[in-house]
């Protein structure tokens, strides 16, 4: 299935952004908005990292080790990917003693790279 940014989808994205700017108090706390270049997108959201995010969301592993076993990946590789996703604000690593629990706290939206427009133009558009 090929994803296509239609006019209707783009209008929905812009409406969400405008509403968030006008009324930040109404914007849900569980949304993270990322604007990435195509290069950043392909570097950050690898197939394995997307699988990792889905596994955390669906299985809610208790520890990083549990996640590693569930994915069939080396713990060091999972830890590296989690640190990258934590840096983006997608994953929270809850540390209690020696155990680290990966948590997905946000739903997120990745926007395609678009021509930048000013805040005033966006609000008044």
Protein backbone atom coordinates (compact mmCIF):
# COMPACT_ATOMS: atom_id res chain seq x y z
CA UNK A 1 0.00 0.00 0.00
CA UNK A 2 1.42 3.35 -1.00
CA UNK A 3 0.76 6.31 1.27
CA UNK A 4 -0.29 9.43 -0.54
CA UNK A 5 -0.64 12.87 1.03
CA UNK A 6 -3.97 13.98 -0.35
CA UNK A 7 -5.37 17.50 -0.09
CA UNK A 8 -7.87 16.27 2.48
CA UNK A 9 -5.15 14.70 4.66
CA UNK A 10 -3.02 17.82 4.41
CA UNK A 11 -6.00 19.99 5.39
CA UNK A 12 -6.56 17.76 8.44
CA UNK A 13 -2.91 18.12 9.47
CA UNK A 14 -3.00 21.89 9.04
CA UNK A 15 -6.30 22.15 10.93
CA UNK A 16 -4.78 20.22 13.85
CA UNK A 17 -1.70 22.45 13.89
CA UNK A 18 -3.75 25.65 13.71
CA UNK A 19 -6.04 24.50 16.51
CA UNK A 20 -3.02 23.55 18.64
CA UNK A 21 -1.50 27.00 18.15
CA UNK A 22 -4.75 28.85 18.85
CA UNK A 23 -5.79 26.68 21.83
CA UNK A 24 -2.76 24.86 23.28
CA UNK A 25 -4.78 23.97 26.39
CA UNK A 26 -7.00 21.74 24.23
CA UNK A 27 -4.12 19.87 22.61
CA UNK A 28 -3.81 16.36 24.04
CA UNK A 29 -0.68 15.69 26.09
CA UNK A 30 -0.13 12.34 24.39
CA UNK A 31 0.82 13.78 21.00
CA UNK A 32 4.35 14.44 19.84
CA UNK A 33 4.71 16.34 16.60
CA UNK A 34 7.93 15.75 14.67
CA UNK A 35 8.97 17.46 11.48
CA UNK A 36 11.80 15.53 9.86
CA UNK A 37 13.61 15.67 6.57
CA UNK A 38 13.43 12.59 4.36
CA UNK A 39 17.00 11.75 5.35
CA UNK A 40 16.25 12.04 9.08
CA UNK A 41 13.08 10.03 8.65
CA UNK A 42 14.85 7.09 7.00
CA UNK A 43 17.76 7.20 9.47
CA UNK A 44 15.61 7.40 12.61
CA UNK A 45 12.65 5.20 11.73
CA UNK A 46 14.25 1.98 10.61
CA UNK A 47 12.21 -1.19 10.23
CA UNK A 48 13.64 -2.50 13.52
CA UNK A 49 12.84 0.67 15.46
CA UNK A 50 9.28 0.67 14.18
CA UNK A 51 8.99 -2.98 15.23
CA UNK A 52 10.43 -2.04 18.63
CA UNK A 53 7.86 0.77 19.09
CA UNK A 54 4.98 -1.53 18.12
CA UNK A 55 6.19 -4.28 20.46
CA UNK A 56 6.44 -1.89 23.41
CA UNK A 57 2.97 -0.50 22.67
CA UNK A 58 1.32 -3.91 22.23
CA UNK A 59 3.20 -6.18 24.67
CA UNK A 60 4.22 -3.64 27.33
CA UNK A 61 7.43 -5.47 28.34
CA UNK A 62 8.48 -5.09 31.98
CA UNK A 63 12.19 -4.71 31.20
CA UNK A 64 14.57 -3.93 28.38
CA UNK A 65 15.71 -7.58 28.58
CA UNK A 66 12.14 -8.80 28.08
CA UNK A 67 11.84 -6.55 25.05
CA UNK A 68 15.14 -7.84 23.66
CA UNK A 69 13.98 -11.46 24.04
CA UNK A 70 10.59 -10.72 22.50
CA UNK A 71 12.26 -9.14 19.47
CA UNK A 72 15.00 -11.77 19.20
CA UNK A 73 17.64 -9.03 19.19
CA UNK A 74 20.80 -8.40 21.18
CA UNK A 75 20.21 -6.33 24.32
CA UNK A 76 22.91 -3.82 23.31
CA UNK A 77 21.19 -3.15 19.96
CA UNK A 78 17.79 -2.72 21.62
CA UNK A 79 19.32 -0.40 24.22
CA UNK A 80 20.94 1.71 21.48
CA UNK A 81 17.65 2.04 19.59
CA UNK A 82 15.76 2.89 22.79
CA UNK A 83 18.22 5.69 23.60
CA UNK A 84 17.66 7.18 20.13
CA UNK A 85 13.88 6.97 20.50
CA UNK A 86 14.12 8.41 24.02
CA UNK A 87 16.06 11.37 22.61
CA UNK A 88 13.16 12.03 20.22
CA UNK A 89 10.64 11.90 23.07
CA UNK A 90 8.90 8.80 21.70
CA UNK A 91 10.00 6.38 24.41
CA UNK A 92 10.46 6.94 28.13
CA UNK A 93 12.91 4.69 29.97
CA UNK A 94 11.62 4.23 33.52
CA UNK A 95 14.60 3.28 35.71
CA UNK A 96 14.01 1.51 39.01
CA UNK A 97 17.17 0.09 40.48
CA UNK A 98 18.80 -2.10 37.84
CA UNK A 99 15.63 -2.58 35.84
CA UNK A 100 14.70 -0.29 32.97
CA UNK A 101 11.14 -0.38 31.65
CA UNK A 102 10.54 1.05 28.17
CA UNK A 103 7.26 2.96 27.94
CA UNK A 104 5.48 4.59 25.01
CA UNK A 105 3.78 7.65 26.43
CA UNK A 106 3.01 9.52 23.24
CA UNK A 107 1.12 8.95 20.08
CA UNK A 108 3.10 10.71 17.40
CA UNK A 109 2.69 12.27 14.02
CA UNK A 110 5.52 12.60 11.55
CA UNK A 111 5.05 15.37 9.02
CA UNK A 112 6.67 15.34 5.61
CA UNK A 113 9.20 18.03 4.87
CA UNK A 114 7.25 21.05 3.63
CA UNK A 115 7.96 24.62 2.66
CA UNK A 116 8.32 26.51 5.92
CA UNK A 117 5.73 29.15 6.57
CA UNK A 118 5.65 31.67 9.35
CA UNK A 119 3.57 31.29 12.47
CA UNK A 120 1.44 34.34 11.60
CA UNK A 121 0.66 32.97 8.14
CA UNK A 122 -0.31 29.62 9.64
CA UNK A 123 -2.66 31.13 12.23
CA UNK A 124 -4.37 33.43 9.75
CA UNK A 125 -4.56 30.98 6.85
